[in-house]
C-alpha atoms as a PDB file:
ATOM      1  CA  MET A   1      52.885 -12.434-203.154  1.00  0.00           C
ATOM      2  CA  THR A   2      54.632 -10.449-206.119  1.00  0.00           C
ATOM      3  CA  ARG A   3      56.637 -11.795-208.581  1.00  0.00           C
ATOM      4  CA  ASN A   4      59.625 -10.489-207.361  1.00  0.00           C
ATOM      5  CA  GLU A   5      58.599 -11.833-203.722  1.00  0.00           C
ATOM      6  CA  ALA A   6      58.259 -15.470-205.156  1.00  0.00           C
ATOM      7  CA  GLU A   7      61.518 -14.953-206.899  1.00  0.00           C
ATOM      8  CA  THR A   8      63.322 -14.471-204.177  1.00  0.00           C
ATOM      9  CA  LEU A   9      61.568 -17.597-202.417  1.00  0.00           C
ATOM     10  CA  ARG A  10      62.815 -19.842-205.004  1.00  0.00           C
ATOM     11  CA  GLN A  11      66.141 -18.507-204.774  1.00  0.00           C
ATOM     12  CA  ALA A  12      66.624 -18.820-201.036  1.00  0.00           C
ATOM     13  CA  CYS A  13      65.355 -22.403-201.393  1.00  0.00           C
ATOM     14  CA  LEU A  14      67.636 -23.180-204.172  1.00  0.00           C
ATOM     15  CA  ASP A  15      70.627 -21.693-202.217  1.00  0.00           C
ATOM     16  CA  ALA A  16      69.838 -23.470-199.188  1.00  0.00           C
ATOM     17  CA  ALA A  17      69.331 -26.782-201.227  1.00  0.00           C
ATOM     18  CA  LEU A  18      72.836 -26.442-203.223  1.00  0.00           C
ATOM     19  CA  ASN A  19      74.343 -25.656-199.730  1.00  0.00           C
ATOM     20  CA  ALA A  20      73.629 -28.837-197.924  1.00  0.00           C
ATOM     21  CA  TYR A  21      74.221 -30.568-201.011  1.00  0.00           C
ATOM     22  CA  GLU A  22      77.779 -29.298-201.125  1.00  0.00           C
ATOM     23  CA  GLU A  23      77.962 -29.923-197.524  1.00  0.00           C
ATOM     24  CA  GLY A  24      77.228 -33.565-197.544  1.00  0.00           C
ATOM     25  CA  GLY A  25      79.886 -34.211-200.338  1.00  0.00           C
ATOM     26  CA  LEU A  26      82.129 -32.585-197.682  1.00  0.00           C
ATOM     27  CA  LEU A  27      80.854 -35.230-194.708  1.00  0.00           C
ATOM     28  CA  GLY A  28      81.420 -38.279-197.804  1.00  0.00           C
ATOM     29  CA  LEU A  29      77.991 -39.110-198.346  1.00  0.00           C
ATOM     30  CA  CYS A  30      76.592 -40.755-201.270  1.00  0.00           C
ATOM     31  CA  GLN A  31      74.520 -38.835-203.988  1.00  0.00           C
ATOM     32  CA  GLN A  32      71.277 -39.896-202.214  1.00  0.00           C
ATOM     33  CA  GLY A  33      72.475 -38.684-198.759  1.00  0.00           C
ATOM     34  CA  ARG A  34      73.455 -35.676-200.504  1.00  0.00           C
ATOM     35  CA  PHE A  35      69.843 -35.522-202.147  1.00  0.00           C
ATOM     36  CA  GLU A  36      68.184 -36.188-199.023  1.00  0.00           C
ATOM     37  CA  LEU A  37      70.109 -33.669-196.726  1.00  0.00           C
ATOM     38  CA  ALA A  38      69.004 -31.091-199.491  1.00  0.00           C
ATOM     39  CA  MET A  39      65.608 -32.124-199.711  1.00  0.00           C
ATOM     40  CA  GLU A  40      65.382 -31.673-195.713  1.00  0.00           C
ATOM     41  CA  ALA A  41      67.349 -28.090-195.695  1.00  0.00           C
ATOM     42  CA  ILE A  42      64.326 -26.819-198.216  1.00  0.00           C
ATOM     43  CA  GLY A  43      61.896 -28.315-195.319  1.00  0.00           C
ATOM     44  CA  ARG A  44      63.657 -26.539-192.428  1.00  0.00           C
ATOM     45  CA  LEU A  45      63.973 -22.941-194.382  1.00  0.00           C
ATOM     46  CA  ASP A  46      62.955 -20.211-192.274  1.00  0.00           C
ATOM     47  CA  LEU A  47      59.836 -18.902-193.618  1.00  0.00           C
ATOM     48  CA  ALA A  48      59.720 -16.070-191.694  1.00  0.00           C
ATOM     49  CA  PRO A  49      60.895 -12.750-193.940  1.00  0.00           C
ATOM     50  CA  PHE A  50      58.694 -14.188-196.718  1.00  0.00           C
ATOM     51  CA  VAL A  51      55.480 -14.268-194.193  1.00  0.00           C
ATOM     52  CA  GLU A  52      53.755 -10.470-193.789  1.00  0.00           C
ATOM     53  CA  PRO A  53      53.344 -10.000-190.198  1.00  0.00           C
ATOM     54  CA  GLY A  54      50.337 -11.235-188.302  1.00  0.00           C
ATOM     55  CA  SER A  55      49.395 -13.474-191.446  1.00  0.00           C
ATOM     56  CA  ILE A  56      50.410 -16.998-189.584  1.00  0.00           C
ATOM     57  CA  SER A  57      47.464 -18.134-187.582  1.00  0.00           C
ATOM     58  CA  PRO A  58      48.178 -20.085-184.381  1.00  0.00           C
ATOM     59  CA  GLY A  59      47.219 -23.296-185.966  1.00  0.00           C
ATOM     60  CA  ASP A  60      50.029 -23.084-188.933  1.00  0.00           C
ATOM     61  CA  ASN A  61      53.239 -24.463-188.286  1.00  0.00           C
ATOM     62  CA  PRO A  62      55.402 -22.036-189.784  1.00  0.00           C
ATOM     63  CA  GLN A  63      58.727 -24.826-189.607  1.00  0.00           C
ATOM     64  CA  GLY A  64      57.053 -26.532-191.898  1.00  0.00           C
ATOM     65  CA  GLU A  65      56.552 -29.832-189.717  1.00  0.00           C
ATOM     66  CA  SER A  66      53.954 -31.912-189.424  1.00  0.00           C
ATOM     67  CA  SER A  67      51.799 -31.830-186.296  1.00  0.00           C
ATOM     68  CA  LEU A  68      50.468 -35.355-186.668  1.00  0.00           C
END
């Protein structure tokens, strides 16, 4: 991954977290709830745009969810 790609990924994570945190505020969540919503948004972030085609093996979970 190049530095530019890493910066793009970092910005996508920050954008997802900030948007979710703000949405949590509009929903009336407390600070902890808003934080948890932001962390979930990062976990749900679609990584497909940041992965080269064919680089994900069948055992990989592209959504970041635990397979346990």
